[in-house]
Amino acid sequence: MPEKCAVCGQPFELEPGFWYGTGYVSYALSVALSVTTFVAWYVLIGMSVHDNRFFVWMGINIFLLIVLQPWLMRLSRVIYLYFFVKYNPDHKQDAVETHSH
């Protein structure tokens, strides 16, 4: 990941260890994806204690989480950065706001 934005010069790492918080965002996205696939599976196919449908859903869900992990990690970084850096439409005229370490 670059140190600064190529367009406005905004530094991406606001303080040492800044990106550790993205783990919580990534976890929330993974839980949301799992709940969504579970509800879709339950509505479309159903669940039963008499067969292995739950384990089939679990396998598909694990596969999706592994395949989508790079996308989820990038999305969690973007969401986390939006918590701390607000969009400035006049970034060409204004100076970049930096945080002290």
PDB file of N, CA and C in Angstrom:
ATOM      1  N   MET A   1       0.848  -1.177   0.000  1.00  0.00           N
ATOM      2  CA  MET A   1       0.000   0.000   0.000  1.00  0.00           C
ATOM      3  C   MET A   1       0.890   1.236   0.000  1.00  0.00           C
ATOM      4  N   PRO A   2       0.574   2.214  -0.815  1.00  0.00           N
ATOM      5  CA  PRO A   2       1.409   3.421  -0.838  1.00  0.00           C
ATOM      6  C   PRO A   2       1.329   4.186   0.483  1.00  0.00           C
ATOM      7  N   GLU A   3       2.359   4.974   0.741  1.00  0.00           N
ATOM      8  CA  GLU A   3       2.381   5.757   1.975  1.00  0.00           C
ATOM      9  C   GLU A   3       1.425   6.940   1.922  1.00  0.00           C
ATOM     10  N   LYS A   4       1.253   7.529   0.707  1.00  0.00           N
ATOM     11  CA  LYS A   4       0.390   8.695   0.549  1.00  0.00           C
ATOM     12  C   LYS A   4      -0.498   8.519  -0.672  1.00  0.00           C
ATOM     13  N   CYS A   5      -1.600   9.265  -0.675  1.00  0.00           N
ATOM     14  CA  CYS A   5      -2.495   9.276  -1.832  1.00  0.00           C
ATOM     15  C   CYS A   5      -1.791   9.985  -2.986  1.00  0.00           C
ATOM     16  N   ALA A   6      -1.863   9.391  -4.171  1.00  0.00           N
ATOM     17  CA  ALA A   6      -1.201   9.972  -5.336  1.00  0.00           C
ATOM     18  C   ALA A   6      -1.880  11.259  -5.792  1.00  0.00           C
ATOM     19  N   VAL A   7      -3.135  11.468  -5.461  1.00  0.00           N
ATOM     20  CA  VAL A   7      -3.862  12.646  -5.921  1.00  0.00           C
ATOM     21  C   VAL A   7      -3.724  13.816  -4.948  1.00  0.00           C
ATOM     22  N   CYS A   8      -4.021  13.580  -3.669  1.00  0.00           N
ATOM     23  CA  CYS A   8      -4.053  14.696  -2.715  1.00  0.00           C
ATOM     24  C   CYS A   8      -2.891  14.714  -1.734  1.00  0.00           C
ATOM     25  N   GLY A   9      -2.133  13.620  -1.628  1.00  0.00           N
ATOM     26  CA  GLY A   9      -0.994  13.586  -0.718  1.00  0.00           C
ATOM     27  C   GLY A   9      -1.345  13.206   0.711  1.00  0.00           C
ATOM     28  N   GLN A  10      -2.578  12.781   0.951  1.00  0.00           N
ATOM     29  CA  GLN A  10      -3.001  12.379   2.295  1.00  0.00           C
ATOM     30  C   GLN A  10      -2.228  11.139   2.731  1.00  0.00           C
ATOM     31  N   PRO A  11      -1.521  11.215   3.873  1.00  0.00           N
ATOM     32  CA  PRO A  11      -0.845  10.007   4.357  1.00  0.00           C
ATOM     33  C   PRO A  11      -1.884   8.964   4.796  1.00  0.00           C
ATOM     34  N   PHE A  12      -1.607   7.701   4.466  1.00  0.00           N
ATOM     35  CA  PHE A  12      -2.550   6.641   4.784  1.00  0.00           C
ATOM     36  C   PHE A  12      -2.361   6.085   6.185  1.00  0.00           C
ATOM     37  N   GLU A  13      -1.160   6.073   6.684  1.00  0.00           N
ATOM     38  CA  GLU A  13      -0.939   5.583   8.044  1.00  0.00           C
ATOM     39  C   GLU A  13      -0.867   6.797   8.956  1.00  0.00           C
ATOM     40  N   LEU A  14      -1.957   7.052   9.685  1.00  0.00           N
ATOM     41  CA  LEU A  14      -2.055   8.256  10.491  1.00  0.00           C
ATOM     42  C   LEU A  14      -1.210   8.187  11.754  1.00  0.00           C
ATOM     43  N   GLU A  15      -0.968   7.011  12.248  1.00  0.00           N
ATOM     44  CA  GLU A  15      -0.114   6.803  13.418  1.00  0.00           C
ATOM     45  C   GLU A  15       0.410   5.372  13.368  1.00  0.00           C
ATOM     46  N   PRO A  16       1.462   5.074  14.104  1.00  0.00           N
ATOM     47  CA  PRO A  16       1.974   3.696  14.086  1.00  0.00           C
ATOM     48  C   PRO A  16       0.909   2.715  14.589  1.00  0.00           C
ATOM     49  N   GLY A  17       0.736   1.644  13.851  1.00  0.00           N
ATOM     50  CA  GLY A  17      -0.252   0.638  14.216  1.00  0.00           C
ATOM     51  C   GLY A  17      -1.678   1.031  13.870  1.00  0.00           C
ATOM     52  N   PHE A  18      -1.831   2.024  13.025  1.00  0.00           N
ATOM     53  CA  PHE A  18      -3.169   2.536  12.677  1.00  0.00           C
ATOM     54  C   PHE A  18      -4.066   1.462  12.092  1.00  0.00           C
ATOM     55  N   TRP A  19      -3.528   0.605  11.265  1.00  0.00           N
ATOM     56  CA  TRP A  19      -4.338  -0.370  10.525  1.00  0.00           C
ATOM     57  C   TRP A  19      -4.767  -1.570  11.360  1.00  0.00           C
ATOM     58  N   TYR A  20      -4.345  -1.682  12.610  1.00  0.00           N
ATOM     59  CA  TYR A  20      -4.781  -2.823  13.426  1.00  0.00           C
ATOM     60  C   TYR A  20      -6.294  -2.824  13.639  1.00  0.00           C
ATOM     61  N   GLY A  21      -6.902  -1.663  13.631  1.00  0.00           N
ATOM     62  CA  GLY A  21      -8.347  -1.569  13.811  1.00  0.00           C
ATOM     63  C   GLY A  21      -9.147  -2.155  12.663  1.00  0.00           C
ATOM     64  N   THR A  22      -8.505  -2.332  11.507  1.00  0.00           N
ATOM     65  CA  THR A  22      -9.229  -2.899  10.369  1.00  0.00           C
ATOM     66  C   THR A  22      -9.595  -4.354  10.609  1.00  0.00           C
ATOM     67  N   GLY A  23      -8.935  -4.996  11.547  1.00  0.00           N
ATOM     68  CA  GLY A  23      -9.305  -6.378  11.879  1.00  0.00           C
ATOM     69  C   GLY A  23     -10.727  -6.462  12.397  1.00  0.00           C
ATOM     70  N   TYR A  24     -11.149  -5.467  13.179  1.00  0.00           N
ATOM     71  CA  TYR A  24     -12.515  -5.441  13.695  1.00  0.00           C
ATOM     72  C   TYR A  24     -13.525  -5.204  12.570  1.00  0.00           C
ATOM     73  N   VAL A  25     -13.178  -4.314  11.649  1.00  0.00           N
ATOM     74  CA  VAL A  25     -14.059  -4.042  10.519  1.00  0.00           C
ATOM     75  C   VAL A  25     -14.151  -5.277   9.621  1.00  0.00           C
ATOM     76  N   SER A  26     -13.022  -5.924   9.371  1.00  0.00           N
ATOM     77  CA  SER A  26     -13.010  -7.129   8.553  1.00  0.00           C
ATOM     78  C   SER A  26     -13.824  -8.240   9.209  1.00  0.00           C
ATOM     79  N   TYR A  27     -13.721  -8.352  10.512  1.00  0.00           N
ATOM     80  CA  TYR A  27     -14.507  -9.347  11.245  1.00  0.00           C
ATOM     81  C   TYR A  27     -15.998  -9.060  11.095  1.00  0.00           C
ATOM     82  N   ALA A  28     -16.398  -7.796  11.228  1.00  0.00           N
ATOM     83  CA  ALA A  28     -17.807  -7.425  11.082  1.00  0.00           C
ATOM     84  C   ALA A  28     -18.313  -7.724   9.672  1.00  0.00           C
ATOM     85  N   LEU A  29     -17.485  -7.448   8.663  1.00  0.00           N
ATOM     86  CA  LEU A  29     -17.877  -7.761   7.289  1.00  0.00           C
ATOM     87  C   LEU A  29     -18.015  -9.273   7.085  1.00  0.00           C
ATOM     88  N   SER A  30     -17.115 -10.049   7.678  1.00  0.00           N
ATOM     89  CA  SER A  30     -17.183 -11.506   7.557  1.00  0.00           C
ATOM     90  C   SER A  30     -18.431 -12.064   8.241  1.00  0.00           C
ATOM     91  N   VAL A  31     -18.761 -11.528   9.403  1.00  0.00           N
ATOM     92  CA  VAL A  31     -19.971 -11.964  10.103  1.00  0.00           C
ATOM     93  C   VAL A  31     -21.202 -11.587   9.290  1.00  0.00           C
ATOM     94  N   ALA A  32     -21.222 -10.367   8.730  1.00  0.00           N
ATOM     95  CA  ALA A  32     -22.360  -9.933   7.923  1.00  0.00           C
ATOM     96  C   ALA A  32     -22.521 -10.828   6.696  1.00  0.00           C
ATOM     97  N   LEU A  33     -21.417 -11.188   6.062  1.00  0.00           N
ATOM     98  CA  LEU A  33     -21.476 -12.080   4.906  1.00  0.00           C
ATOM     99  C   LEU A  33     -21.983 -13.461   5.311  1.00  0.00           C
ATOM    100  N   SER A  34     -21.509 -13.963   6.436  1.00  0.00           N
ATOM    101  CA  SER A  34     -21.943 -15.287   6.905  1.00  0.00           C
ATOM    102  C   SER A  34     -23.428 -15.293   7.249  1.00  0.00           C
ATOM    103  N   VAL A  35     -23.906 -14.260   7.914  1.00  0.00           N
ATOM    104  CA  VAL A  35     -25.325 -14.176   8.261  1.00  0.00           C
ATOM    105  C   VAL A  35     -26.164 -14.070   6.989  1.00  0.00           C
ATOM    106  N   THR A  36     -25.689 -13.288   6.020  1.00  0.00           N
ATOM    107  CA  THR A  36     -26.417 -13.142   4.760  1.00  0.00           C
ATOM    108  C   THR A  36     -26.512 -14.468   4.013  1.00  0.00           C
ATOM    109  N   THR A  37     -25.402 -15.192   3.923  1.00  0.00           N
ATOM    110  CA  THR A  37     -25.451 -16.478   3.223  1.00  0.00           C
ATOM    111  C   THR A  37     -26.300 -17.488   3.987  1.00  0.00           C
ATOM    112  N   PHE A  38     -26.274 -17.428   5.323  1.00  0.00           N
ATOM    113  CA  PHE A  38     -27.107 -18.342   6.112  1.00  0.00           C
ATOM    114  C   PHE A  38     -28.586 -18.073   5.877  1.00  0.00           C
ATOM    115  N   VAL A  39     -28.975 -16.798   5.911  1.00  0.00           N
ATOM    116  CA  VAL A  39     -30.387 -16.456   5.697  1.00  0.00           C
ATOM    117  C   VAL A  39     -30.815 -16.847   4.286  1.00  0.00           C
ATOM    118  N   ALA A  40     -29.961 -16.557   3.296  1.00  0.00           N
ATOM    119  CA  ALA A  40     -30.290 -16.943   1.915  1.00  0.00           C
ATOM    120  C   ALA A  40     -30.426 -18.458   1.801  1.00  0.00           C
ATOM    121  N   TRP A  41     -29.514 -19.198   2.406  1.00  0.00           N
ATOM    122  CA  TRP A  41     -29.567 -20.666   2.365  1.00  0.00           C
ATOM    123  C   TRP A  41     -30.835 -21.167   3.064  1.00  0.00           C
ATOM    124  N   TYR A  42     -31.150 -20.583   4.205  1.00  0.00           N
ATOM    125  CA  TYR A  42     -32.324 -21.002   4.975  1.00  0.00           C
ATOM    126  C   TYR A  42     -33.615 -20.740   4.197  1.00  0.00           C
ATOM    127  N   VAL A  43     -33.694 -19.589   3.542  1.00  0.00           N
ATOM    128  CA  VAL A  43     -34.903 -19.243   2.794  1.00  0.00           C
ATOM    129  C   VAL A  43     -35.016 -20.070   1.522  1.00  0.00           C
ATOM    130  N   LEU A  44     -33.914 -20.224   0.795  1.00  0.00           N
ATOM    131  CA  LEU A  44     -33.964 -20.899  -0.499  1.00  0.00           C
ATOM    132  C   LEU A  44     -33.946 -22.422  -0.398  1.00  0.00           C
ATOM    133  N   ILE A  45     -33.150 -22.956   0.516  1.00  0.00           N
ATOM    134  CA  ILE A  45     -32.960 -24.405   0.578  1.00  0.00           C
ATOM    135  C   ILE A  45     -33.540 -24.991   1.863  1.00  0.00           C
ATOM    136  N   GLY A  46     -33.365 -24.299   2.962  1.00  0.00           N
ATOM    137  CA  GLY A  46     -33.886 -24.758   4.245  1.00  0.00           C
ATOM    138  C   GLY A  46     -32.824 -25.466   5.064  1.00  0.00           C
ATOM    139  N   MET A  47     -33.120 -25.631   6.335  1.00  0.00           N
ATOM    140  CA  MET A  47     -32.233 -26.336   7.258  1.00  0.00           C
ATOM    141  C   MET A  47     -33.003 -27.497   7.870  1.00  0.00           C
ATOM    142  N   SER A  48     -32.281 -28.542   8.158  1.00  0.00           N
ATOM    143  CA  SER A  48     -32.906 -29.717   8.755  1.00  0.00           C
ATOM    144  C   SER A  48     -31.882 -30.426   9.624  1.00  0.00           C
ATOM    145  N   VAL A  49     -32.364 -31.058  10.668  1.00  0.00           N
ATOM    146  CA  VAL A  49     -31.483 -31.861  11.511  1.00  0.00           C
ATOM    147  C   VAL A  49     -31.377 -33.287  10.983  1.00  0.00           C
ATOM    148  N   HIS A  50     -32.115 -33.600   9.912  1.00  0.00           N
ATOM    149  CA  HIS A  50     -32.150 -34.951   9.379  1.00  0.00           C
ATOM    150  C   HIS A  50     -31.179 -35.179   8.226  1.00  0.00           C
ATOM    151  N   ASP A  51     -30.465 -34.164   7.800  1.00  0.00           N
ATOM    152  CA  ASP A  51     -29.480 -34.328   6.733  1.00  0.00           C
ATOM    153  C   ASP A  51     -28.297 -33.371   6.967  1.00  0.00           C
ATOM    154  N   ASN A  52     -27.440 -33.252   5.987  1.00  0.00           N
ATOM    155  CA  ASN A  52     -26.203 -32.476   6.151  1.00  0.00           C
ATOM    156  C   ASN A  52     -26.259 -31.092   5.510  1.00  0.00           C
ATOM    157  N   ARG A  53     -27.436 -30.511   5.367  1.00  0.00           N
ATOM    158  CA  ARG A  53     -27.533 -29.196   4.715  1.00  0.00           C
ATOM    159  C   ARG A  53     -26.741 -28.122   5.445  1.00  0.00           C
ATOM    160  N   PHE A  54     -26.721 -28.168   6.756  1.00  0.00           N
ATOM    161  CA  PHE A  54     -25.967 -27.184   7.522  1.00  0.00           C
ATOM    162  C   PHE A  54     -24.476 -27.262   7.182  1.00  0.00           C
ATOM    163  N   PHE A  55     -23.957 -28.477   7.072  1.00  0.00           N
ATOM    164  CA  PHE A  55     -22.536 -28.645   6.787  1.00  0.00           C
ATOM    165  C   PHE A  55     -22.196 -28.256   5.358  1.00  0.00           C
ATOM    166  N   VAL A  56     -23.129 -28.446   4.442  1.00  0.00           N
ATOM    167  CA  VAL A  56     -22.921 -27.985   3.065  1.00  0.00           C
ATOM    168  C   VAL A  56     -22.855 -26.460   3.045  1.00  0.00           C
ATOM    169  N   TRP A  57     -23.798 -25.811   3.760  1.00  0.00           N
ATOM    170  CA  TRP A  57     -23.753 -24.340   3.857  1.00  0.00           C
ATOM    171  C   TRP A  57     -22.433 -23.894   4.486  1.00  0.00           C
ATOM    172  N   MET A  58     -22.020 -24.564   5.531  1.00  0.00           N
ATOM    173  CA  MET A  58     -20.780 -24.196   6.220  1.00  0.00           C
ATOM    174  C   MET A  58     -19.587 -24.289   5.268  1.00  0.00           C
ATOM    175  N   GLY A  59     -19.525 -25.342   4.465  1.00  0.00           N
ATOM    176  CA  GLY A  59     -18.436 -25.488   3.499  1.00  0.00           C
ATOM    177  C   GLY A  59     -18.460 -24.399   2.448  1.00  0.00           C
ATOM    178  N   ILE A  60     -19.637 -24.097   1.932  1.00  0.00           N
ATOM    179  CA  ILE A  60     -19.754 -23.026   0.929  1.00  0.00           C
ATOM    180  C   ILE A  60     -19.390 -21.682   1.547  1.00  0.00           C
ATOM    181  N   ASN A  61     -19.829 -21.445   2.776  1.00  0.00           N
ATOM    182  CA  ASN A  61     -19.522 -20.192   3.456  1.00  0.00           C
ATOM    183  C   ASN A  61     -18.019 -20.047   3.693  1.00  0.00           C
ATOM    184  N   ILE A  62     -17.373 -21.103   4.116  1.00  0.00           N
ATOM    185  CA  ILE A  62     -15.917 -21.057   4.335  1.00  0.00           C
ATOM    186  C   ILE A  62     -15.204 -20.782   3.021  1.00  0.00           C
ATOM    187  N   PHE A  63     -15.637 -21.433   1.958  1.00  0.00           N
ATOM    188  CA  PHE A  63     -15.051 -21.201   0.636  1.00  0.00           C
ATOM    189  C   PHE A  63     -15.206 -19.733   0.228  1.00  0.00           C
ATOM    190  N   LEU A  64     -16.409 -19.184   0.398  1.00  0.00           N
ATOM    191  CA  LEU A  64     -16.639 -17.781   0.053  1.00  0.00           C
ATOM    192  C   LEU A  64     -15.768 -16.839   0.878  1.00  0.00           C
ATOM    193  N   LEU A  65     -15.645 -17.106   2.166  1.00  0.00           N
ATOM    194  CA  LEU A  65     -14.823 -16.245   3.020  1.00  0.00           C
ATOM    195  C   LEU A  65     -13.353 -16.275   2.599  1.00  0.00           C
ATOM    196  N   ILE A  66     -12.871 -17.427   2.191  1.00  0.00           N
ATOM    197  CA  ILE A  66     -11.475 -17.527   1.755  1.00  0.00           C
ATOM    198  C   ILE A  66     -11.275 -16.822   0.416  1.00  0.00           C
ATOM    199  N   VAL A  67     -12.190 -17.044  -0.523  1.00  0.00           N
ATOM    200  CA  VAL A  67     -12.057 -16.432  -1.853  1.00  0.00           C
ATOM    201  C   VAL A  67     -12.219 -14.917  -1.783  1.00  0.00           C
ATOM    202  N   LEU A  68     -13.131 -14.441  -0.947  1.00  0.00           N
ATOM    203  CA  LEU A  68     -13.404 -13.007  -0.855  1.00  0.00           C
ATOM    204  C   LEU A  68     -12.506 -12.277   0.138  1.00  0.00           C
ATOM    205  N   GLN A  69     -11.586 -12.975   0.798  1.00  0.00           N
ATOM    206  CA  GLN A  69     -10.754 -12.343   1.818  1.00  0.00           C
ATOM    207  C   GLN A  69      -9.954 -11.141   1.306  1.00  0.00           C
ATOM    208  N   PRO A  70      -9.301 -11.206   0.144  1.00  0.00           N
ATOM    209  CA  PRO A  70      -8.592 -10.004  -0.319  1.00  0.00           C
ATOM    210  C   PRO A  70      -9.534  -8.808  -0.513  1.00  0.00           C
ATOM    211  N   TRP A  71     -10.718  -9.052  -1.053  1.00  0.00           N
ATOM    212  CA  TRP A  71     -11.693  -7.989  -1.242  1.00  0.00           C
ATOM    213  C   TRP A  71     -12.171  -7.450   0.101  1.00  0.00           C
ATOM    214  N   LEU A  72     -12.439  -8.343   1.055  1.00  0.00           N
ATOM    215  CA  LEU A  72     -12.887  -7.917   2.382  1.00  0.00           C
ATOM    216  C   LEU A  72     -11.815  -7.106   3.103  1.00  0.00           C
ATOM    217  N   MET A  73     -10.549  -7.488   2.926  1.00  0.00           N
ATOM    218  CA  MET A  73      -9.469  -6.741   3.582  1.00  0.00           C
ATOM    219  C   MET A  73      -9.355  -5.327   3.020  1.00  0.00           C
ATOM    220  N   ARG A  74      -9.432  -5.186   1.705  1.00  0.00           N
ATOM    221  CA  ARG A  74      -9.365  -3.850   1.096  1.00  0.00           C
ATOM    222  C   ARG A  74     -10.567  -3.006   1.484  1.00  0.00           C
ATOM    223  N   LEU A  75     -11.750  -3.613   1.461  1.00  0.00           N
ATOM    224  CA  LEU A  75     -12.949  -2.881   1.834  1.00  0.00           C
ATOM    225  C   LEU A  75     -12.889  -2.446   3.296  1.00  0.00           C
ATOM    226  N   SER A  76     -12.372  -3.293   4.169  1.00  0.00           N
ATOM    227  CA  SER A  76     -12.261  -2.920   5.581  1.00  0.00           C
ATOM    228  C   SER A  76     -11.272  -1.775   5.776  1.00  0.00           C
ATOM    229  N   ARG A  77     -10.201  -1.733   4.983  1.00  0.00           N
ATOM    230  CA  ARG A  77      -9.270  -0.608   5.070  1.00  0.00           C
ATOM    231  C   ARG A  77      -9.925   0.691   4.626  1.00  0.00           C
ATOM    232  N   VAL A  78     -10.704   0.621   3.561  1.00  0.00           N
ATOM    233  CA  VAL A  78     -11.389   1.822   3.071  1.00  0.00           C
ATOM    234  C   VAL A  78     -12.398   2.315   4.103  1.00  0.00           C
ATOM    235  N   ILE A  79     -13.198   1.410   4.648  1.00  0.00           N
ATOM    236  CA  ILE A  79     -14.197   1.793   5.650  1.00  0.00           C
ATOM    237  C   ILE A  79     -13.511   2.384   6.881  1.00  0.00           C
ATOM    238  N   TYR A  80     -12.439   1.756   7.337  1.00  0.00           N
ATOM    239  CA  TYR A  80     -11.725   2.237   8.520  1.00  0.00           C
ATOM    240  C   TYR A  80     -11.110   3.605   8.263  1.00  0.00           C
ATOM    241  N   LEU A  81     -10.565   3.818   7.087  1.00  0.00           N
ATOM    242  CA  LEU A  81      -9.971   5.113   6.756  1.00  0.00           C
ATOM    243  C   LEU A  81     -11.042   6.194   6.711  1.00  0.00           C
ATOM    244  N   TYR A  82     -12.246   5.858   6.233  1.00  0.00           N
ATOM    245  CA  TYR A  82     -13.342   6.831   6.196  1.00  0.00           C
ATOM    246  C   TYR A  82     -13.763   7.268   7.594  1.00  0.00           C
ATOM    247  N   PHE A  83     -13.534   6.455   8.602  1.00  0.00           N
ATOM    248  CA  PHE A  83     -13.843   6.862   9.976  1.00  0.00           C
ATOM    249  C   PHE A  83     -12.977   8.038  10.422  1.00  0.00           C
ATOM    250  N   PHE A  84     -11.754   8.111   9.919  1.00  0.00           N
ATOM    251  CA  PHE A  84     -10.787   9.078  10.441  1.00  0.00           C
ATOM    252  C   PHE A  84     -10.408  10.187   9.476  1.00  0.00           C
ATOM    253  N   VAL A  85     -10.572   9.986   8.190  1.00  0.00           N
ATOM    254  CA  VAL A  85     -10.206  10.995   7.194  1.00  0.00           C
ATOM    255  C   VAL A  85     -11.461  11.380   6.434  1.00  0.00           C
ATOM    256  N   LYS A  86     -11.840  12.637   6.571  1.00  0.00           N
ATOM    257  CA  LYS A  86     -13.037  13.121   5.891  1.00  0.00           C
ATOM    258  C   LYS A  86     -12.679  13.613   4.494  1.00  0.00           C
ATOM    259  N   TYR A  87     -13.608  13.435   3.557  1.00  0.00           N
ATOM    260  CA  TYR A  87     -13.405  13.876   2.188  1.00  0.00           C
ATOM    261  C   TYR A  87     -13.386  15.396   2.128  1.00  0.00           C
ATOM    262  N   ASN A  88     -12.402  15.935   1.426  1.00  0.00           N
ATOM    263  CA  ASN A  88     -12.279  17.371   1.240  1.00  0.00           C
ATOM    264  C   ASN A  88     -12.362  17.660  -0.257  1.00  0.00           C
ATOM    265  N   PRO A  89     -13.485  18.223  -0.717  1.00  0.00           N
ATOM    266  CA  PRO A  89     -13.607  18.493  -2.153  1.00  0.00           C
ATOM    267  C   PRO A  89     -12.622  19.551  -2.654  1.00  0.00           C
ATOM    268  N   ASP A  90     -12.083  20.370  -1.758  1.00  0.00           N
ATOM    269  CA  ASP A  90     -11.113  21.407  -2.133  1.00  0.00           C
ATOM    270  C   ASP A  90      -9.694  20.984  -1.788  1.00  0.00           C
ATOM    271  N   HIS A  91      -9.382  19.711  -1.972  1.00  0.00           N
ATOM    272  CA  HIS A  91      -8.067  19.204  -1.562  1.00  0.00           C
ATOM    273  C   HIS A  91      -6.924  19.829  -2.354  1.00  0.00           C
ATOM    274  N   LYS A  92      -7.217  20.347  -3.546  1.00  0.00           N
ATOM    275  CA  LYS A  92      -6.145  20.962  -4.340  1.00  0.00           C
ATOM    276  C   LYS A  92      -5.734  22.316  -3.775  1.00  0.00           C
ATOM    277  N   GLN A  93      -6.664  23.029  -3.130  1.00  0.00           N
ATOM    278  CA  GLN A  93      -6.354  24.336  -2.554  1.00  0.00           C
ATOM    279  C   GLN A  93      -5.921  24.241  -1.093  1.00  0.00           C
ATOM    280  N   ASP A  94      -6.485  23.304  -0.353  1.00  0.00           N
ATOM    281  CA  ASP A  94      -6.195  23.195   1.075  1.00  0.00           C
ATOM    282  C   ASP A  94      -5.006  22.288   1.314  1.00  0.00           C
ATOM    283  N   ALA A  95      -4.336  22.548   2.431  1.00  0.00           N
ATOM    284  CA  ALA A  95      -3.206  21.699   2.818  1.00  0.00           C
ATOM    285  C   ALA A  95      -3.735  20.395   3.418  1.00  0.00           C
ATOM    286  N   VAL A  96      -2.972  19.355   3.290  1.00  0.00           N
ATOM    287  CA  VAL A  96      -3.343  18.059   3.853  1.00  0.00           C
ATOM    288  C   VAL A  96      -3.228  18.137   5.358  1.00  0.00           C
ATOM    289  N   GLU A  97      -4.263  17.666   6.047  1.00  0.00           N
ATOM    290  CA  GLU A  97      -4.251  17.653   7.501  1.00  0.00           C
ATOM    291  C   GLU A  97      -3.462  16.452   7.986  1.00  0.00           C
ATOM    292  N   THR A  98      -2.398  16.707   8.705  1.00  0.00           N
ATOM    293  CA  THR A  98      -1.572  15.604   9.214  1.00  0.00           C
ATOM    294  C   THR A  98      -1.771  15.466  10.709  1.00  0.00           C
ATOM    295  N   HIS A  99      -1.555  14.279  11.192  1.00  0.00           N
ATOM    296  CA  HIS A  99      -1.676  13.989  12.619  1.00  0.00           C
ATOM    297  C   HIS A  99      -0.274  13.802  13.176  1.00  0.00           C
ATOM    298  N   SER A 100      -0.042  14.314  14.377  1.00  0.00           N
ATOM    299  CA  SER A 100       1.278  14.150  14.979  1.00  0.00           C
ATOM    300  C   SER A 100       1.396  12.763  15.573  1.00  0.00           C
ATOM    301  N   HIS A 101       2.604  12.211  15.544  1.00  0.00           N
ATOM    302  CA  HIS A 101       2.829  10.866  16.065  1.00  0.00           C
ATOM    303  C   HIS A 101       3.028  10.920  17.539  1.00  0.00           C
TER     304      HIS A 101
END
